[in-house]
Amino acid sequence: MIVPEGRGIAAQPPGGTFRILHVSTGNVCRSPITERLTRHALADRLGLTGLAGGTESGVGGVIVESAGTWGHEGAPMEANAEAVLASLGADAAGFRGRELLDEHVIRADLVLTATRDHRAQVISMGHSAGLRTFTLKEFTRLVRAIDPATLPDPLEGGVVGRARALVQAAAALRGWLLAPSVEADEVLDPYGAPMPFFQAVGEEIQVALEPVLTALTGVGRPTG
């Protein structure tokens, strides 16, 4: 069920919380862009604008955060990454880089990484992370193959229950729906690259997030 505007979903749905962890290398480019775009889109779709900033913001029961496998602890977002976010309508305010720790993986219900190497590093940390860790573009590909009618209605059970069911469905499909190429599941690192490359990466991330957020919330992208 896709709800056109999403304003009928409760701000704090039943079922606890669902934590999404975005992972890249330094946690100053790709994963911060993905984190803040996710928060912004969730707030927009669920009619909870104003809740997308901060260091750990819960939107409709979904907590979105990020870290880096070689994270620059306490570092601000790269200037080009911040500019890309602004151009896409999101906000970098309050962001600080983090190094990926065991506790981040333990708490996460869904880990989305920039590359297959990041995915492998997360899974190698243990904590039964294999079934809930995907590259972002891998998860997008799997989500597109899931019939939304098979997922719980967010108006009845909240976004959290729907999100948990989505991860389980994607994990079940992983061995059956393979990537067309090695590069298909990767988001390249723009660190040190000129602004046009940063912009292209930001737009690539936004496109990859679109079907994920629609499936996650049951809410299509707001128009107008």
Foldseek 3Di string as FASTA:
>chain_A
DADAQQQLFDFAFPDAAAEEEEEEAAQQAQRLLLQQLLLQQLCRRNVNPPQRDAQWGAGQRYTGHYAYCNYPFFDAHPPLRQVLSVVVPTHRPHDGYHHDDPVSQLPHLAYEYQAPVRQVVSVVSPNPNNLRYAHLLLLLQLLVPDDLVVFDDCSPRNLRRRQNVSSNSSSVCNVPDDDPDRCRRHQDDCVPHDSVSSNVSSVVSSVSCQSVSCSSGSYHRHDD
